[in-house]
């Protein structure tokens, strides 16, 4: 878990603590201090690491605090290699007030595009819940392998937070397709949605939870995800992207940037290793 002393990073770290506890994993809490950091920023970053380490150890998790100096990305990559990290987590937060960006040109985006391990980027919208959402929306696309890779994360979150879930499978189609498609086409998409959602369904059943399943055929998947989250009163959205999607040239209109910027609730975006 990479932290920088910010409130958002500490809130995200609560998810890391819960995941580590649920999976029996060890937890490494890293902060990288920039050569340009002020004394106040250094103190805040180190204090943040100490607080999270204490919380992890209080939960009977093998927790290690790491403080490095230099540029964030090379130091994170070095720790991932040295410690043989399986899952790296980072907070997504507004990086530039004028540009209002959450993912473009950020460390979170670099981690998802470049690290060899799996990565989970988290934007905390409601810090008051302390990484304990009561209901999550698992948003899937047409990629069956990507949906299957999300199943262990669903299991961890269900086990860690005792969360209920709804599954939404979205097929992105043009407005022209939607105007001309016959009802049989939508029935085929509904059938395929059930196949795509099967690993998530089984993961939830393995944790003693059932989930309502939905499917949509719409022009913009990210907008549909957020609209359904509001409609279903979800307190967290969980979705997955490929390395290629995370590596694409980032524009303000990129679906990931829109999701991170406008999500109505906590957002967890998983990129498998």
Protein backbone atom coordinates (compact mmCIF):
# COMPACT_ATOMS: atom_id res chain seq x y z
CA UNK A 1 0.00 0.00 0.00
CA UNK A 2 1.50 3.33 -1.09
CA UNK A 3 0.64 6.35 1.07
CA UNK A 4 1.68 9.98 0.90
CA UNK A 5 0.41 11.44 4.15
CA UNK A 6 -2.88 12.59 2.64
CA UNK A 7 -6.25 11.87 4.22
CA UNK A 8 -7.40 10.05 1.07
CA UNK A 9 -4.41 7.72 1.13
CA UNK A 10 -5.05 6.83 4.76
CA UNK A 11 -8.71 6.19 4.02
CA UNK A 12 -7.69 3.91 1.14
CA UNK A 13 -5.26 2.12 3.45
CA UNK A 14 -8.26 0.93 5.48
CA UNK A 15 -9.24 -1.17 2.46
CA UNK A 16 -5.69 -2.59 2.38
CA UNK A 17 -5.90 -3.52 6.06
CA UNK A 18 -9.26 -5.21 5.55
CA UNK A 19 -8.05 -7.13 2.49
CA UNK A 20 -4.89 -8.30 4.23
CA UNK A 21 -6.89 -9.46 7.25
CA UNK A 22 -9.44 -11.29 5.09
CA UNK A 23 -6.82 -13.05 2.96
CA UNK A 24 -4.18 -13.74 5.60
CA UNK A 25 -1.62 -11.72 3.64
CA UNK A 26 1.18 -9.57 4.99
CA UNK A 27 0.96 -5.82 4.47
CA UNK A 28 3.73 -3.44 3.42
CA UNK A 29 2.98 0.26 3.89
CA UNK A 30 5.24 2.46 1.77
CA UNK A 31 5.75 6.18 1.60
CA UNK A 32 8.21 7.81 -0.78
CA UNK A 33 9.51 11.19 0.32
CA UNK A 34 10.33 13.56 -2.50
CA UNK A 35 13.61 15.49 -2.33
CA UNK A 36 11.44 18.62 -2.59
CA UNK A 37 9.20 17.68 0.34
CA UNK A 38 8.95 20.14 3.20
CA UNK A 39 9.59 19.11 6.78
CA UNK A 40 5.86 19.19 7.43
CA UNK A 41 5.16 16.91 4.46
CA UNK A 42 7.84 14.44 5.60
CA UNK A 43 6.41 14.35 9.11
CA UNK A 44 2.87 13.79 7.79
CA UNK A 45 3.97 10.94 5.52
CA UNK A 46 5.94 9.15 8.25
CA UNK A 47 3.14 9.61 10.78
CA UNK A 48 0.69 8.14 8.26
CA UNK A 49 2.84 5.03 7.86
CA UNK A 50 3.11 4.63 11.62
CA UNK A 51 -0.67 4.87 12.11
CA UNK A 52 -1.44 2.29 9.42
CA UNK A 53 1.24 -0.08 10.70
CA UNK A 54 -0.24 0.14 14.21
CA UNK A 55 -3.71 -0.54 12.85
CA UNK A 56 -2.49 -3.51 10.83
CA UNK A 57 -0.67 -5.06 13.77
CA UNK A 58 -3.68 -4.48 16.01
CA UNK A 59 -5.64 -6.61 13.51
CA UNK A 60 -3.03 -9.39 13.81
CA UNK A 61 -1.61 -8.65 10.35
CA UNK A 62 2.11 -8.95 9.67
CA UNK A 63 2.67 -5.29 8.81
CA UNK A 64 5.87 -3.53 7.76
CA UNK A 65 6.40 0.20 7.31
CA UNK A 66 8.77 1.34 4.57
CA UNK A 67 10.10 4.86 4.08
CA UNK A 68 12.04 5.61 0.91
CA UNK A 69 13.39 8.79 -0.59
CA UNK A 70 13.43 9.76 -4.25
CA UNK A 71 10.92 9.63 -7.08
CA UNK A 72 7.75 7.73 -6.28
CA UNK A 73 7.45 5.46 -9.33
CA UNK A 74 10.96 3.92 -9.31
CA UNK A 75 10.81 3.40 -5.55
CA UNK A 76 7.41 1.69 -5.75
CA UNK A 77 8.67 -0.56 -8.54
CA UNK A 78 11.74 -1.47 -6.48
CA UNK A 79 9.67 -2.42 -3.42
CA UNK A 80 7.31 -4.52 -5.55
CA UNK A 81 10.30 -6.47 -6.86
CA UNK A 82 12.21 -6.72 -3.56
CA UNK A 83 9.22 -7.79 -1.47
CA UNK A 84 7.59 -9.93 -4.18
CA UNK A 85 4.33 -8.02 -3.87
CA UNK A 86 1.21 -9.73 -5.25
CA UNK A 87 -1.19 -6.78 -5.01
CA UNK A 88 -0.28 -3.09 -4.91
CA UNK A 89 -2.83 -0.50 -3.81
CA UNK A 90 -2.91 3.24 -4.28
CA UNK A 91 -5.31 6.09 -3.63
CA UNK A 92 -6.80 8.04 -6.51
CA UNK A 93 -7.47 11.64 -5.57
CA UNK A 94 -7.62 15.01 -7.25
CA UNK A 95 -4.07 15.86 -8.26
CA UNK A 96 -4.50 19.32 -9.71
CA UNK A 97 -7.26 21.72 -8.69
CA UNK A 98 -7.34 23.59 -11.99
CA UNK A 99 -7.35 20.49 -14.20
CA UNK A 100 -9.57 18.51 -11.80
CA UNK A 101 -7.91 15.23 -12.76
CA UNK A 102 -7.90 12.03 -10.72
CA UNK A 103 -6.21 9.49 -13.01
CA UNK A 104 -4.47 11.26 -15.88
CA UNK A 105 -0.72 11.62 -15.24
CA UNK A 106 -0.90 10.18 -11.71
CA UNK A 107 1.07 7.57 -9.79
CA UNK A 108 -2.06 5.39 -9.68
CA UNK A 109 -2.25 5.35 -13.45
CA UNK A 110 1.48 4.60 -13.74
CA UNK A 111 1.13 1.69 -11.30
CA UNK A 112 -1.74 0.19 -13.28
CA UNK A 113 0.11 0.57 -16.56
CA UNK A 114 3.59 -0.52 -15.51
CA UNK A 115 3.78 -2.71 -12.39
CA UNK A 116 4.08 -6.47 -12.98
CA UNK A 117 1.82 -7.35 -10.03
CA UNK A 118 -1.92 -6.82 -9.74
CA UNK A 119 -2.97 -3.28 -8.84
CA UNK A 120 -6.03 -1.89 -7.10
CA UNK A 121 -6.65 1.85 -7.39
CA UNK A 122 -9.18 3.23 -4.93
CA UNK A 123 -11.01 6.52 -4.74
CA UNK A 124 -12.68 7.07 -1.39
CA UNK A 125 -15.75 9.28 -1.67
CA UNK A 126 -17.24 8.64 1.76
CA UNK A 127 -14.40 8.44 4.33
CA UNK A 128 -16.95 8.13 7.12
CA UNK A 129 -17.57 4.50 6.19
CA UNK A 130 -13.91 3.62 6.87
CA UNK A 131 -13.73 1.11 4.01
CA UNK A 132 -16.86 -0.68 5.20
CA UNK A 133 -19.46 -0.29 2.43
CA UNK A 134 -22.64 -2.23 3.03
CA UNK A 135 -23.48 -2.73 -0.63
CA UNK A 136 -21.29 -2.85 -3.72
CA UNK A 137 -21.97 -2.85 -7.43
CA UNK A 138 -19.68 -5.18 -9.38
CA UNK A 139 -19.52 -3.73 -12.89
CA UNK A 140 -18.38 -6.07 -15.67
CA UNK A 141 -17.75 -5.71 -19.39
CA UNK A 142 -17.82 -8.34 -22.15
CA UNK A 143 -14.32 -9.70 -21.36
CA UNK A 144 -14.92 -13.04 -19.61
CA UNK A 145 -11.28 -13.51 -18.56
CA UNK A 146 -11.19 -10.05 -16.99
CA UNK A 147 -14.41 -10.74 -15.11
CA UNK A 148 -12.98 -14.02 -13.83
CA UNK A 149 -9.84 -12.23 -12.59
CA UNK A 150 -12.06 -10.01 -10.44
CA UNK A 151 -13.61 -12.94 -8.55
CA UNK A 152 -10.88 -13.21 -5.84
CA UNK A 153 -11.19 -9.47 -5.14
CA UNK A 154 -14.96 -9.85 -4.80
CA UNK A 155 -14.40 -12.70 -2.34
CA UNK A 156 -11.95 -10.63 -0.29
CA UNK A 157 -14.25 -7.63 -0.14
CA UNK A 158 -17.29 -9.74 0.74
CA UNK A 159 -15.31 -11.47 3.49
CA UNK A 160 -13.61 -8.33 4.77
CA UNK A 161 -16.57 -5.96 4.86
CA UNK A 162 -19.53 -8.38 5.02
CA UNK A 163 -20.86 -6.53 2.01
CA UNK A 164 -23.84 -7.42 -0.16
CA UNK A 165 -23.48 -7.11 -3.92
CA UNK A 166 -25.26 -6.60 -7.20
CA UNK A 167 -23.70 -7.60 -10.52
CA UNK A 168 -24.04 -5.45 -13.62
CA UNK A 169 -22.75 -6.66 -17.00
CA UNK A 170 -22.57 -3.93 -19.62
CA UNK A 171 -22.27 -4.26 -23.38
CA UNK A 172 -21.22 -1.03 -25.03
CA UNK A 173 -23.00 -0.50 -28.35
CA UNK A 174 -23.62 2.51 -30.56
CA UNK A 175 -26.88 4.43 -30.55
CA UNK A 176 -27.48 3.21 -34.11
CA UNK A 177 -27.14 -0.41 -33.00
CA UNK A 178 -29.61 0.16 -30.19
CA UNK A 179 -32.17 1.68 -32.56
CA UNK A 180 -31.97 -1.18 -35.04
CA UNK A 181 -31.31 -4.26 -32.89
CA UNK A 182 -34.03 -6.90 -32.75
CA UNK A 183 -35.32 -8.26 -29.41
CA UNK A 184 -33.49 -11.55 -30.07
CA UNK A 185 -30.18 -9.67 -29.97
CA UNK A 186 -30.90 -8.41 -26.47
CA UNK A 187 -31.87 -11.91 -25.35
CA UNK A 188 -28.49 -13.19 -26.57
CA UNK A 189 -26.74 -10.44 -24.63
CA UNK A 190 -28.73 -11.35 -21.52
CA UNK A 191 -27.67 -14.98 -21.85
CA UNK A 192 -24.03 -14.01 -22.33
CA UNK A 193 -24.21 -11.67 -19.34
CA UNK A 194 -25.08 -14.64 -17.16
CA UNK A 195 -22.01 -16.52 -18.43
CA UNK A 196 -19.70 -13.55 -17.85
CA UNK A 197 -21.04 -13.00 -14.33
CA UNK A 198 -20.73 -16.68 -13.34
CA UNK A 199 -17.29 -16.41 -11.60
CA UNK A 200 -18.50 -13.41 -9.57
CA UNK A 201 -21.71 -15.22 -8.68
CA UNK A 202 -19.74 -18.26 -7.49
CA UNK A 203 -17.30 -16.12 -5.52
CA UNK A 204 -20.17 -14.49 -3.65
CA UNK A 205 -21.90 -17.81 -3.04
CA UNK A 206 -18.63 -19.09 -1.61
CA UNK A 207 -18.87 -16.30 0.98
CA UNK A 208 -22.51 -17.13 1.72
CA UNK A 209 -23.95 -14.25 -0.30
CA UNK A 210 -26.28 -14.10 -3.24
CA UNK A 211 -26.43 -11.25 -5.73
CA UNK A 212 -29.01 -9.73 -8.00
CA UNK A 213 -27.80 -9.72 -11.61
CA UNK A 214 -28.46 -7.05 -14.23
CA UNK A 215 -27.32 -6.37 -17.76
CA UNK A 216 -27.35 -3.29 -19.96
CA UNK A 217 -26.69 -2.53 -23.61
CA UNK A 218 -25.78 1.15 -23.76
CA UNK A 219 -23.51 3.60 -25.62
CA UNK A 220 -21.40 4.58 -22.57
CA UNK A 221 -20.50 1.93 -20.00
CA UNK A 222 -18.98 4.29 -17.43
CA UNK A 223 -22.09 6.49 -17.35
CA UNK A 224 -24.31 3.42 -16.99
CA UNK A 225 -22.18 2.12 -14.12
CA UNK A 226 -22.53 5.36 -12.18
CA UNK A 227 -26.26 5.68 -12.91
CA UNK A 228 -26.91 2.13 -11.74
CA UNK A 229 -24.83 2.67 -8.60
CA UNK A 230 -27.11 5.56 -7.68
CA UNK A 231 -30.26 3.64 -8.61
CA UNK A 232 -29.24 0.60 -6.55
CA UNK A 233 -27.97 2.66 -3.59
CA UNK A 234 -24.51 1.12 -3.88
CA UNK A 235 -21.86 2.41 -1.49
CA UNK A 236 -18.94 1.09 -3.56
CA UNK A 237 -18.29 0.24 -7.21
CA UNK A 238 -15.85 -2.54 -8.08
CA UNK A 239 -14.68 -2.99 -11.65
CA UNK A 240 -11.65 -4.22 -13.59
CA UNK A 241 -9.53 -3.01 -16.48
CA UNK A 242 -6.80 -4.56 -18.57
CA UNK A 243 -3.24 -3.29 -18.65
CA UNK A 244 -3.87 -2.08 -22.20
CA UNK A 245 -6.86 -0.02 -21.08
CA UNK A 246 -4.85 1.50 -18.24
CA UNK A 247 -1.95 2.23 -20.61
CA UNK A 248 -4.00 4.03 -23.23
CA UNK A 249 -3.21 7.67 -23.80
CA UNK A 250 -5.17 9.41 -21.10
CA UNK A 251 -7.63 12.11 -22.03
CA UNK A 252 -10.21 13.83 -19.86
CA UNK A 253 -12.88 11.92 -21.78
CA UNK A 254 -11.26 8.54 -21.05
CA UNK A 255 -13.77 6.27 -19.23
CA UNK A 256 -11.40 5.67 -16.32
CA UNK A 257 -10.86 9.38 -15.76
CA UNK A 258 -14.62 9.97 -15.90
CA UNK A 259 -15.24 7.17 -13.40
CA UNK A 260 -12.61 8.39 -10.96
CA UNK A 261 -13.72 12.00 -11.29
CA UNK A 262 -17.49 11.54 -11.10
CA UNK A 263 -18.10 8.35 -9.12
CA UNK A 264 -21.02 8.77 -6.70
CA UNK A 265 -19.51 6.35 -4.17
CA UNK A 266 -16.21 4.64 -3.32
CA UNK A 267 -14.60 3.26 -6.47
CA UNK A 268 -12.21 0.30 -6.66
CA UNK A 269 -10.59 -0.42 -10.03
CA UNK A 270 -8.63 -3.67 -10.31
CA UNK A 271 -5.98 -4.42 -12.92
CA UNK A 272 -4.87 -8.07 -12.82
CA UNK A 273 -1.17 -8.91 -12.94
